[in-house]
Amino acid sequence: MNKHILKFPEEGLKQLQFFMEGLSFPVAVAAYTEQDIVKISYLVRLLQRGDIHSTYALCIWCIRQGIIYQILFRFSFKAMIRNPVRTYDYFRLQRLLKKCREQTLGKPR
């Protein structure tokens, strides 16, 4: 069985950028256009300057800029038992981001 960790569409993918340092959860972002590449380079500068310093802030920025992102966290029951706080934090983060996406992009149908 060949499971892909990253769920980005491969067609037209120009760049992948991974952000890990100083974040509670690693995040991968994908660029499909030249404009996306420029936005991601700006995001890198924001992180280096310390203007963005959390996974939540990074994901909110991506939502508002229309950049596709993925939080890298593999959920398993074993991980949930070993570290329930981290699992809770992940699901809480997903809930907050879903709310932001709905406010920014409109409610899903």
PDB file of N, CA and C in Angstrom:
ATOM      1  N   MET A   1       0.854  -1.168   0.000  1.00  0.00           N
ATOM      2  CA  MET A   1       0.000   0.000   0.000  1.00  0.00           C
ATOM      3  C   MET A   1       0.902   1.233   0.000  1.00  0.00           C
ATOM      4  N   ASN A   2       0.637   2.138  -0.913  1.00  0.00           N
ATOM      5  CA  ASN A   2       1.439   3.348  -1.068  1.00  0.00           C
ATOM      6  C   ASN A   2       0.639   4.549  -0.579  1.00  0.00           C
ATOM      7  N   LYS A   3       0.879   4.962   0.665  1.00  0.00           N
ATOM      8  CA  LYS A   3       0.163   6.098   1.239  1.00  0.00           C
ATOM      9  C   LYS A   3       1.006   7.351   1.098  1.00  0.00           C
ATOM     10  N   HIS A   4       0.380   8.402   0.605  1.00  0.00           N
ATOM     11  CA  HIS A   4       1.054   9.683   0.497  1.00  0.00           C
ATOM     12  C   HIS A   4       0.759  10.498   1.744  1.00  0.00           C
ATOM     13  N   ILE A   5       1.791  11.063   2.320  1.00  0.00           N
ATOM     14  CA  ILE A   5       1.605  11.917   3.484  1.00  0.00           C
ATOM     15  C   ILE A   5       1.078  13.272   3.038  1.00  0.00           C
ATOM     16  N   LEU A   6       1.665  13.806   1.974  1.00  0.00           N
ATOM     17  CA  LEU A   6       1.220  15.094   1.453  1.00  0.00           C
ATOM     18  C   LEU A   6       0.036  14.884   0.520  1.00  0.00           C
ATOM     19  N   LYS A   7      -0.976  15.698   0.681  1.00  0.00           N
ATOM     20  CA  LYS A   7      -2.212  15.540  -0.087  1.00  0.00           C
ATOM     21  C   LYS A   7      -2.384  16.628  -1.151  1.00  0.00           C
ATOM     22  N   PHE A   8      -1.280  17.243  -1.569  1.00  0.00           N
ATOM     23  CA  PHE A   8      -1.357  18.289  -2.584  1.00  0.00           C
ATOM     24  C   PHE A   8      -1.572  17.676  -3.961  1.00  0.00           C
ATOM     25  N   PRO A   9      -2.399  18.324  -4.802  1.00  0.00           N
ATOM     26  CA  PRO A   9      -2.514  17.857  -6.189  1.00  0.00           C
ATOM     27  C   PRO A   9      -1.160  18.012  -6.886  1.00  0.00           C
ATOM     28  N   GLU A  10      -0.727  16.990  -7.596  1.00  0.00           N
ATOM     29  CA  GLU A  10       0.591  17.010  -8.234  1.00  0.00           C
ATOM     30  C   GLU A  10       0.593  17.830  -9.517  1.00  0.00           C
ATOM     31  N   GLU A  11      -0.532  17.893 -10.183  1.00  0.00           N
ATOM     32  CA  GLU A  11      -0.593  18.577 -11.473  1.00  0.00           C
ATOM     33  C   GLU A  11      -0.371  20.080 -11.307  1.00  0.00           C
ATOM     34  N   GLY A  12       0.653  20.588 -11.964  1.00  0.00           N
ATOM     35  CA  GLY A  12       0.945  22.011 -11.943  1.00  0.00           C
ATOM     36  C   GLY A  12       1.747  22.486 -10.739  1.00  0.00           C
ATOM     37  N   LEU A  13       2.152  21.572  -9.874  1.00  0.00           N
ATOM     38  CA  LEU A  13       2.896  21.939  -8.677  1.00  0.00           C
ATOM     39  C   LEU A  13       4.268  22.477  -9.063  1.00  0.00           C
ATOM     40  N   LYS A  14       4.577  23.694  -8.621  1.00  0.00           N
ATOM     41  CA  LYS A  14       5.856  24.321  -8.956  1.00  0.00           C
ATOM     42  C   LYS A  14       6.835  24.315  -7.793  1.00  0.00           C
ATOM     43  N   GLN A  15       6.316  24.408  -6.566  1.00  0.00           N
ATOM     44  CA  GLN A  15       7.211  24.491  -5.413  1.00  0.00           C
ATOM     45  C   GLN A  15       6.507  23.997  -4.158  1.00  0.00           C
ATOM     46  N   LEU A  16       7.276  23.316  -3.322  1.00  0.00           N
ATOM     47  CA  LEU A  16       6.828  22.934  -1.981  1.00  0.00           C
ATOM     48  C   LEU A  16       7.778  23.572  -0.987  1.00  0.00           C
ATOM     49  N   GLN A  17       7.228  24.124   0.066  1.00  0.00           N
ATOM     50  CA  GLN A  17       8.054  24.727   1.112  1.00  0.00           C
ATOM     51  C   GLN A  17       7.587  24.152   2.445  1.00  0.00           C
ATOM     52  N   PHE A  18       8.555  23.751   3.263  1.00  0.00           N
ATOM     53  CA  PHE A  18       8.240  23.199   4.575  1.00  0.00           C
ATOM     54  C   PHE A  18       8.685  24.170   5.648  1.00  0.00           C
ATOM     55  N   PHE A  19       7.823  24.373   6.647  1.00  0.00           N
ATOM     56  CA  PHE A  19       8.127  25.231   7.784  1.00  0.00           C
ATOM     57  C   PHE A  19       8.026  24.388   9.043  1.00  0.00           C
ATOM     58  N   MET A  20       9.111  24.324   9.799  1.00  0.00           N
ATOM     59  CA  MET A  20       9.128  23.489  10.990  1.00  0.00           C
ATOM     60  C   MET A  20       9.664  24.216  12.218  1.00  0.00           C
ATOM     61  N   GLU A  21      10.670  25.014  12.018  1.00  0.00           N
ATOM     62  CA  GLU A  21      11.387  25.619  13.122  1.00  0.00           C
ATOM     63  C   GLU A  21      10.510  26.607  13.898  1.00  0.00           C
ATOM     64  N   GLY A  22      10.406  26.381  15.196  1.00  0.00           N
ATOM     65  CA  GLY A  22       9.675  27.288  16.065  1.00  0.00           C
ATOM     66  C   GLY A  22       8.166  27.151  16.019  1.00  0.00           C
ATOM     67  N   LEU A  23       7.643  26.177  15.309  1.00  0.00           N
ATOM     68  CA  LEU A  23       6.201  25.977  15.198  1.00  0.00           C
ATOM     69  C   LEU A  23       5.764  24.773  16.019  1.00  0.00           C
ATOM     70  N   SER A  24       4.536  24.802  16.514  1.00  0.00           N
ATOM     71  CA  SER A  24       4.036  23.663  17.275  1.00  0.00           C
ATOM     72  C   SER A  24       3.774  22.452  16.381  1.00  0.00           C
ATOM     73  N   PHE A  25       3.403  22.692  15.124  1.00  0.00           N
ATOM     74  CA  PHE A  25       3.215  21.631  14.138  1.00  0.00           C
ATOM     75  C   PHE A  25       3.883  22.060  12.845  1.00  0.00           C
ATOM     76  N   PRO A  26       4.599  21.171  12.173  1.00  0.00           N
ATOM     77  CA  PRO A  26       5.184  21.526  10.878  1.00  0.00           C
ATOM     78  C   PRO A  26       4.084  21.773   9.840  1.00  0.00           C
ATOM     79  N   VAL A  27       4.373  22.664   8.908  1.00  0.00           N
ATOM     80  CA  VAL A  27       3.408  23.019   7.866  1.00  0.00           C
ATOM     81  C   VAL A  27       4.115  22.968   6.517  1.00  0.00           C
ATOM     82  N   ALA A  28       3.427  22.408   5.528  1.00  0.00           N
ATOM     83  CA  ALA A  28       3.913  22.412   4.149  1.00  0.00           C
ATOM     84  C   ALA A  28       2.989  23.314   3.340  1.00  0.00           C
ATOM     85  N   VAL A  29       3.574  24.135   2.479  1.00  0.00           N
ATOM     86  CA  VAL A  29       2.775  24.987   1.598  1.00  0.00           C
ATOM     87  C   VAL A  29       3.167  24.703   0.152  1.00  0.00           C
ATOM     88  N   ALA A  30       2.197  24.844  -0.738  1.00  0.00           N
ATOM     89  CA  ALA A  30       2.420  24.522  -2.143  1.00  0.00           C
ATOM     90  C   ALA A  30       2.183  25.746  -3.013  1.00  0.00           C
ATOM     91  N   ALA A  31       3.016  25.871  -4.043  1.00  0.00           N
ATOM     92  CA  ALA A  31       2.872  26.946  -5.022  1.00  0.00           C
ATOM     93  C   ALA A  31       2.547  26.329  -6.378  1.00  0.00           C
ATOM     94  N   TYR A  32       1.529  26.887  -7.011  1.00  0.00           N
ATOM     95  CA  TYR A  32       1.120  26.413  -8.331  1.00  0.00           C
ATOM     96  C   TYR A  32       1.299  27.475  -9.409  1.00  0.00           C
ATOM     97  N   THR A  33       1.554  28.715  -9.002  1.00  0.00           N
ATOM     98  CA  THR A  33       1.762  29.801  -9.953  1.00  0.00           C
ATOM     99  C   THR A  33       2.993  30.603  -9.530  1.00  0.00           C
ATOM    100  N   GLU A  34       3.459  31.454 -10.413  1.00  0.00           N
ATOM    101  CA  GLU A  34       4.583  32.332 -10.075  1.00  0.00           C
ATOM    102  C   GLU A  34       4.187  33.279  -8.946  1.00  0.00           C
ATOM    103  N   GLN A  35       2.938  33.712  -8.939  1.00  0.00           N
ATOM    104  CA  GLN A  35       2.450  34.590  -7.876  1.00  0.00           C
ATOM    105  C   GLN A  35       2.494  33.870  -6.523  1.00  0.00           C
ATOM    106  N   ASP A  36       2.149  32.593  -6.499  1.00  0.00           N
ATOM    107  CA  ASP A  36       2.242  31.809  -5.263  1.00  0.00           C
ATOM    108  C   ASP A  36       3.687  31.735  -4.770  1.00  0.00           C
ATOM    109  N   ILE A  37       4.627  31.580  -5.684  1.00  0.00           N
ATOM    110  CA  ILE A  37       6.045  31.504  -5.318  1.00  0.00           C
ATOM    111  C   ILE A  37       6.490  32.814  -4.669  1.00  0.00           C
ATOM    112  N   VAL A  38       6.056  33.933  -5.224  1.00  0.00           N
ATOM    113  CA  VAL A  38       6.396  35.238  -4.649  1.00  0.00           C
ATOM    114  C   VAL A  38       5.778  35.381  -3.259  1.00  0.00           C
ATOM    115  N   LYS A  39       4.520  34.959  -3.109  1.00  0.00           N
ATOM    116  CA  LYS A  39       3.858  35.028  -1.805  1.00  0.00           C
ATOM    117  C   LYS A  39       4.585  34.177  -0.773  1.00  0.00           C
ATOM    118  N   ILE A  40       5.025  32.989  -1.169  1.00  0.00           N
ATOM    119  CA  ILE A  40       5.728  32.104  -0.240  1.00  0.00           C
ATOM    120  C   ILE A  40       7.080  32.691   0.153  1.00  0.00           C
ATOM    121  N   SER A  41       7.763  33.326  -0.780  1.00  0.00           N
ATOM    122  CA  SER A  41       9.040  33.957  -0.418  1.00  0.00           C
ATOM    123  C   SER A  41       8.802  35.099   0.574  1.00  0.00           C
ATOM    124  N   TYR A  42       7.696  35.811   0.426  1.00  0.00           N
ATOM    125  CA  TYR A  42       7.332  36.848   1.394  1.00  0.00           C
ATOM    126  C   TYR A  42       7.024  36.217   2.753  1.00  0.00           C
ATOM    127  N   LEU A  43       6.334  35.086   2.741  1.00  0.00           N
ATOM    128  CA  LEU A  43       6.032  34.369   3.984  1.00  0.00           C
ATOM    129  C   LEU A  43       7.313  33.950   4.695  1.00  0.00           C
ATOM    130  N   VAL A  44       8.301  33.486   3.948  1.00  0.00           N
ATOM    131  CA  VAL A  44       9.589  33.104   4.535  1.00  0.00           C
ATOM    132  C   VAL A  44      10.203  34.295   5.253  1.00  0.00           C
ATOM    133  N   ARG A  45      10.159  35.465   4.616  1.00  0.00           N
ATOM    134  CA  ARG A  45      10.713  36.674   5.257  1.00  0.00           C
ATOM    135  C   ARG A  45       9.943  37.038   6.524  1.00  0.00           C
ATOM    136  N   LEU A  46       8.612  36.893   6.491  1.00  0.00           N
ATOM    137  CA  LEU A  46       7.810  37.178   7.686  1.00  0.00           C
ATOM    138  C   LEU A  46       8.201  36.264   8.844  1.00  0.00           C
ATOM    139  N   LEU A  47       8.441  35.009   8.547  1.00  0.00           N
ATOM    140  CA  LEU A  47       8.852  34.059   9.585  1.00  0.00           C
ATOM    141  C   LEU A  47      10.249  34.385  10.102  1.00  0.00           C
ATOM    142  N   GLN A  48      11.151  34.740   9.221  1.00  0.00           N
ATOM    143  CA  GLN A  48      12.514  35.070   9.635  1.00  0.00           C
ATOM    144  C   GLN A  48      12.547  36.317  10.508  1.00  0.00           C
ATOM    145  N   ARG A  49      11.700  37.304  10.203  1.00  0.00           N
ATOM    146  CA  ARG A  49      11.641  38.528  10.997  1.00  0.00           C
ATOM    147  C   ARG A  49      10.918  38.316  12.321  1.00  0.00           C
ATOM    148  N   GLY A  50      10.160  37.240  12.430  1.00  0.00           N
ATOM    149  CA  GLY A  50       9.412  36.971  13.654  1.00  0.00           C
ATOM    150  C   GLY A  50       8.018  37.568  13.659  1.00  0.00           C
ATOM    151  N   ASP A  51       7.562  38.078  12.498  1.00  0.00           N
ATOM    152  CA  ASP A  51       6.204  38.618  12.418  1.00  0.00           C
ATOM    153  C   ASP A  51       5.156  37.512  12.518  1.00  0.00           C
ATOM    154  N   ILE A  52       5.504  36.352  12.030  1.00  0.00           N
ATOM    155  CA  ILE A  52       4.663  35.158  12.173  1.00  0.00           C
ATOM    156  C   ILE A  52       5.478  34.168  12.995  1.00  0.00           C
ATOM    157  N   HIS A  53       4.894  33.717  14.100  1.00  0.00           N
ATOM    158  CA  HIS A  53       5.662  32.846  14.991  1.00  0.00           C
ATOM    159  C   HIS A  53       4.864  31.657  15.519  1.00  0.00           C
ATOM    160  N   SER A  54       3.736  31.347  14.885  1.00  0.00           N
ATOM    161  CA  SER A  54       2.953  30.188  15.329  1.00  0.00           C
ATOM    162  C   SER A  54       2.343  29.482  14.121  1.00  0.00           C
ATOM    163  N   THR A  55       2.005  28.237  14.325  1.00  0.00           N
ATOM    164  CA  THR A  55       1.353  27.461  13.269  1.00  0.00           C
ATOM    165  C   THR A  55       0.027  28.110  12.890  1.00  0.00           C
ATOM    166  N   TYR A  56      -0.711  28.545  13.900  1.00  0.00           N
ATOM    167  CA  TYR A  56      -2.010  29.175  13.661  1.00  0.00           C
ATOM    168  C   TYR A  56      -1.856  30.415  12.774  1.00  0.00           C
ATOM    169  N   ALA A  57      -0.927  31.303  13.115  1.00  0.00           N
ATOM    170  CA  ALA A  57      -0.727  32.532  12.347  1.00  0.00           C
ATOM    171  C   ALA A  57      -0.287  32.221  10.919  1.00  0.00           C
ATOM    172  N   LEU A  58       0.573  31.227  10.749  1.00  0.00           N
ATOM    173  CA  LEU A  58       1.034  30.836   9.416  1.00  0.00           C
ATOM    174  C   LEU A  58      -0.139  30.341   8.575  1.00  0.00           C
ATOM    175  N   CYS A  59      -0.977  29.492   9.150  1.00  0.00           N
ATOM    176  CA  CYS A  59      -2.120  28.938   8.410  1.00  0.00           C
ATOM    177  C   CYS A  59      -3.145  30.021   8.078  1.00  0.00           C
ATOM    178  N   ILE A  60      -3.379  30.950   9.015  1.00  0.00           N
ATOM    179  CA  ILE A  60      -4.303  32.058   8.756  1.00  0.00           C
ATOM    180  C   ILE A  60      -3.790  32.901   7.589  1.00  0.00           C
ATOM    181  N   TRP A  61      -2.488  33.165   7.581  1.00  0.00           N
ATOM    182  CA  TRP A  61      -1.891  33.928   6.488  1.00  0.00           C
ATOM    183  C   TRP A  61      -2.120  33.200   5.162  1.00  0.00           C
ATOM    184  N   CYS A  62      -1.903  31.895   5.148  1.00  0.00           N
ATOM    185  CA  CYS A  62      -2.104  31.103   3.924  1.00  0.00           C
ATOM    186  C   CYS A  62      -3.556  31.156   3.458  1.00  0.00           C
ATOM    187  N   ILE A  63      -4.490  31.052   4.381  1.00  0.00           N
ATOM    188  CA  ILE A  63      -5.915  31.107   4.028  1.00  0.00           C
ATOM    189  C   ILE A  63      -6.236  32.449   3.381  1.00  0.00           C
ATOM    190  N   ARG A  64      -5.779  33.522   4.006  1.00  0.00           N
ATOM    191  CA  ARG A  64      -6.085  34.868   3.500  1.00  0.00           C
ATOM    192  C   ARG A  64      -5.400  35.171   2.177  1.00  0.00           C
ATOM    193  N   GLN A  65      -4.254  34.538   1.921  1.00  0.00           N
ATOM    194  CA  GLN A  65      -3.526  34.760   0.672  1.00  0.00           C
ATOM    195  C   GLN A  65      -3.903  33.761  -0.422  1.00  0.00           C
ATOM    196  N   GLY A  66      -4.713  32.769  -0.079  1.00  0.00           N
ATOM    197  CA  GLY A  66      -5.126  31.764  -1.066  1.00  0.00           C
ATOM    198  C   GLY A  66      -4.037  30.748  -1.377  1.00  0.00           C
ATOM    199  N   ILE A  67      -3.152  30.509  -0.405  1.00  0.00           N
ATOM    200  CA  ILE A  67      -2.081  29.535  -0.573  1.00  0.00           C
ATOM    201  C   ILE A  67      -2.530  28.209   0.041  1.00  0.00           C
ATOM    202  N   ILE A  68      -2.309  27.128  -0.682  1.00  0.00           N
ATOM    203  CA  ILE A  68      -2.681  25.798  -0.187  1.00  0.00           C
ATOM    204  C   ILE A  68      -1.632  25.334   0.817  1.00  0.00           C
ATOM    205  N   TYR A  69      -2.084  24.865   1.970  1.00  0.00           N
ATOM    206  CA  TYR A  69      -1.171  24.408   3.012  1.00  0.00           C
ATOM    207  C   TYR A  69      -1.667  23.082   3.587  1.00  0.00           C
ATOM    208  N   GLN A  70      -0.779  22.431   4.308  1.00  0.00           N
ATOM    209  CA  GLN A  70      -1.148  21.209   5.023  1.00  0.00           C
ATOM    210  C   GLN A  70      -0.342  21.140   6.308  1.00  0.00           C
ATOM    211  N   ILE A  71      -1.033  20.938   7.411  1.00  0.00           N
ATOM    212  CA  ILE A  71      -0.363  20.736   8.689  1.00  0.00           C
ATOM    213  C   ILE A  71       0.081  19.281   8.727  1.00  0.00           C
ATOM    214  N   LEU A  72       1.343  19.059   9.046  1.00  0.00           N
ATOM    215  CA  LEU A  72       1.893  17.710   9.037  1.00  0.00           C
ATOM    216  C   LEU A  72       1.758  17.094  10.424  1.00  0.00           C
ATOM    217  N   PHE A  73       0.714  16.304  10.574  1.00  0.00           N
ATOM    218  CA  PHE A  73       0.444  15.618  11.837  1.00  0.00           C
ATOM    219  C   PHE A  73      -0.256  14.323  11.493  1.00  0.00           C
ATOM    220  N   ARG A  74       0.324  13.245  11.903  1.00  0.00           N
ATOM    221  CA  ARG A  74      -0.280  11.939  11.633  1.00  0.00           C
ATOM    222  C   ARG A  74      -1.040  11.501  12.877  1.00  0.00           C
ATOM    223  N   PHE A  75      -2.353  11.426  12.738  1.00  0.00           N
ATOM    224  CA  PHE A  75      -3.196  11.019  13.854  1.00  0.00           C
ATOM    225  C   PHE A  75      -3.213   9.499  13.957  1.00  0.00           C
ATOM    226  N   SER A  76      -3.024   9.015  15.170  1.00  0.00           N
ATOM    227  CA  SER A  76      -3.197   7.593  15.449  1.00  0.00           C
ATOM    228  C   SER A  76      -3.658   7.464  16.895  1.00  0.00           C
ATOM    229  N   PHE A  77      -4.307   6.364  17.190  1.00  0.00           N
ATOM    230  CA  PHE A  77      -4.783   6.151  18.555  1.00  0.00           C
ATOM    231  C   PHE A  77      -3.609   5.991  19.516  1.00  0.00           C
ATOM    232  N   LYS A  78      -2.531   5.417  19.035  1.00  0.00           N
ATOM    233  CA  LYS A  78      -1.338   5.260  19.864  1.00  0.00           C
ATOM    234  C   LYS A  78      -0.776   6.637  20.249  1.00  0.00           C
ATOM    235  N   ALA A  79      -0.707   7.532  19.272  1.00  0.00           N
ATOM    236  CA  ALA A  79      -0.217   8.882  19.536  1.00  0.00           C
ATOM    237  C   ALA A  79      -1.165   9.625  20.476  1.00  0.00           C
ATOM    238  N   MET A  80      -2.455   9.392  20.314  1.00  0.00           N
ATOM    239  CA  MET A  80      -3.441  10.042  21.164  1.00  0.00           C
ATOM    240  C   MET A  80      -3.282   9.607  22.620  1.00  0.00           C
ATOM    241  N   ILE A  81      -2.993   8.347  22.827  1.00  0.00           N
ATOM    242  CA  ILE A  81      -2.810   7.835  24.189  1.00  0.00           C
ATOM    243  C   ILE A  81      -1.491   8.332  24.772  1.00  0.00           C
ATOM    244  N   ARG A  82      -0.444   8.340  23.957  1.00  0.00           N
ATOM    245  CA  ARG A  82       0.869   8.780  24.440  1.00  0.00           C
ATOM    246  C   ARG A  82       0.920  10.280  24.709  1.00  0.00           C
ATOM    247  N   ASN A  83       0.287  11.060  23.859  1.00  0.00           N
ATOM    248  CA  ASN A  83       0.354  12.507  24.005  1.00  0.00           C
ATOM    249  C   ASN A  83      -1.013  13.128  23.704  1.00  0.00           C
ATOM    250  N   PRO A  84      -1.950  12.999  24.636  1.00  0.00           N
ATOM    251  CA  PRO A  84      -3.301  13.501  24.380  1.00  0.00           C
ATOM    252  C   PRO A  84      -3.368  15.023  24.238  1.00  0.00           C
ATOM    253  N   VAL A  85      -2.492  15.750  24.907  1.00  0.00           N
ATOM    254  CA  VAL A  85      -2.518  17.211  24.823  1.00  0.00           C
ATOM    255  C   VAL A  85      -2.164  17.677  23.412  1.00  0.00           C
ATOM    256  N   ARG A  86      -1.154  17.061  22.818  1.00  0.00           N
ATOM    257  CA  ARG A  86      -0.762  17.428  21.442  1.00  0.00           C
ATOM    258  C   ARG A  86      -1.888  17.106  20.461  1.00  0.00           C
ATOM    259  N   THR A  87      -2.525  15.978  20.642  1.00  0.00           N
ATOM    260  CA  THR A  87      -3.641  15.603  19.774  1.00  0.00           C
ATOM    261  C   THR A  87      -4.789  16.589  19.943  1.00  0.00           C
ATOM    262  N   TYR A  88      -5.081  16.946  21.185  1.00  0.00           N
ATOM    263  CA  TYR A  88      -6.131  17.932  21.452  1.00  0.00           C
ATOM    264  C   TYR A  88      -5.786  19.267  20.787  1.00  0.00           C
ATOM    265  N   ASP A  89      -4.519  19.701  20.937  1.00  0.00           N
ATOM    266  CA  ASP A  89      -4.085  20.959  20.327  1.00  0.00           C
ATOM    267  C   ASP A  89      -4.264  20.932  18.806  1.00  0.00           C
ATOM    268  N   TYR A  90      -3.968  19.792  18.203  1.00  0.00           N
ATOM    269  CA  TYR A  90      -4.119  19.655  16.752  1.00  0.00           C
ATOM    270  C   TYR A  90      -5.585  19.812  16.339  1.00  0.00           C
ATOM    271  N   PHE A  91      -6.486  19.108  17.012  1.00  0.00           N
ATOM    272  CA  PHE A  91      -7.904  19.186  16.650  1.00  0.00           C
ATOM    273  C   PHE A  91      -8.482  20.570  16.954  1.00  0.00           C
ATOM    274  N   ARG A  92      -8.020  21.191  18.011  1.00  0.00           N
ATOM    275  CA  ARG A  92      -8.446  22.556  18.337  1.00  0.00           C
ATOM    276  C   ARG A  92      -7.981  23.518  17.243  1.00  0.00           C
ATOM    277  N   LEU A  93      -6.743  23.380  16.811  1.00  0.00           N
ATOM    278  CA  LEU A  93      -6.203  24.205  15.734  1.00  0.00           C
ATOM    279  C   LEU A  93      -7.016  24.017  14.462  1.00  0.00           C
ATOM    280  N   GLN A  94      -7.336  22.790  14.114  1.00  0.00           N
ATOM    281  CA  GLN A  94      -8.128  22.512  12.909  1.00  0.00           C
ATOM    282  C   GLN A  94      -9.508  23.170  13.001  1.00  0.00           C
ATOM    283  N   ARG A  95     -10.112  23.125  14.180  1.00  0.00           N
ATOM    284  CA  ARG A  95     -11.434  23.732  14.372  1.00  0.00           C
ATOM    285  C   ARG A  95     -11.362  25.255  14.184  1.00  0.00           C
ATOM    286  N   LEU A  96     -10.340  25.888  14.763  1.00  0.00           N
ATOM    287  CA  LEU A  96     -10.171  27.335  14.624  1.00  0.00           C
ATOM    288  C   LEU A  96      -9.904  27.732  13.172  1.00  0.00           C
ATOM    289  N   LEU A  97      -9.101  26.945  12.480  1.00  0.00           N
ATOM    290  CA  LEU A  97      -8.798  27.240  11.076  1.00  0.00           C
ATOM    291  C   LEU A  97     -10.022  27.049  10.188  1.00  0.00           C
ATOM    292  N   LYS A  98     -10.840  26.067  10.504  1.00  0.00           N
ATOM    293  CA  LYS A  98     -12.069  25.842   9.740  1.00  0.00           C
ATOM    294  C   LYS A  98     -12.986  27.055   9.871  1.00  0.00           C
ATOM    295  N   LYS A  99     -13.085  27.590  11.090  1.00  0.00           N
ATOM    296  CA  LYS A  99     -13.891  28.788  11.326  1.00  0.00           C
ATOM    297  C   LYS A  99     -13.377  29.970  10.508  1.00  0.00           C
ATOM    298  N   CYS A 100     -12.071  30.137  10.488  1.00  0.00           N
ATOM    299  CA  CYS A 100     -11.463  31.229   9.725  1.00  0.00           C
ATOM    300  C   CYS A 100     -11.712  31.055   8.230  1.00  0.00           C
ATOM    301  N   ARG A 101     -11.561  29.816   7.730  1.00  0.00           N
ATOM    302  CA  ARG A 101     -11.816  29.548   6.307  1.00  0.00           C
ATOM    303  C   ARG A 101     -13.260  29.885   5.942  1.00  0.00           C
ATOM    304  N   GLU A 102     -14.197  29.520   6.810  1.00  0.00           N
ATOM    305  CA  GLU A 102     -15.608  29.803   6.543  1.00  0.00           C
ATOM    306  C   GLU A 102     -15.874  31.300   6.522  1.00  0.00           C
ATOM    307  N   GLN A 103     -15.243  32.036   7.433  1.00  0.00           N
ATOM    308  CA  GLN A 103     -15.421  33.495   7.473  1.00  0.00           C
ATOM    309  C   GLN A 103     -14.783  34.160   6.265  1.00  0.00           C
ATOM    310  N   THR A 104     -13.614  33.655   5.869  1.00  0.00           N
ATOM    311  CA  THR A 104     -12.874  34.263   4.767  1.00  0.00           C
ATOM    312  C   THR A 104     -13.453  33.887   3.404  1.00  0.00           C
ATOM    313  N   LEU A 105     -13.721  32.610   3.224  1.00  0.00           N
ATOM    314  CA  LEU A 105     -14.156  32.115   1.911  1.00  0.00           C
ATOM    315  C   LEU A 105     -15.654  31.902   1.794  1.00  0.00           C
ATOM    316  N   GLY A 106     -16.375  31.981   2.882  1.00  0.00           N
ATOM    317  CA  GLY A 106     -17.800  31.694   2.872  1.00  0.00           C
ATOM    318  C   GLY A 106     -18.051  30.269   3.322  1.00  0.00           C
ATOM    319  N   LYS A 107     -19.240  30.024   3.800  1.00  0.00           N
ATOM    320  CA  LYS A 107     -19.599  28.693   4.309  1.00  0.00           C
ATOM    321  C   LYS A 107     -19.572  27.665   3.192  1.00  0.00           C
ATOM    322  N   PRO A 108     -19.008  26.454   3.495  1.00  0.00           N
ATOM    323  CA  PRO A 108     -19.039  25.392   2.481  1.00  0.00           C
ATOM    324  C   PRO A 108     -20.469  24.893   2.276  1.00  0.00           C
ATOM    325  N   ARG A 109     -20.734  24.404   1.097  1.00  0.00           N
ATOM    326  CA  ARG A 109     -22.092  23.932   0.767  1.00  0.00           C
ATOM    327  C   ARG A 109     -22.298  22.517   1.131  1.00  0.00           C
TER     328      ARG A 109
END
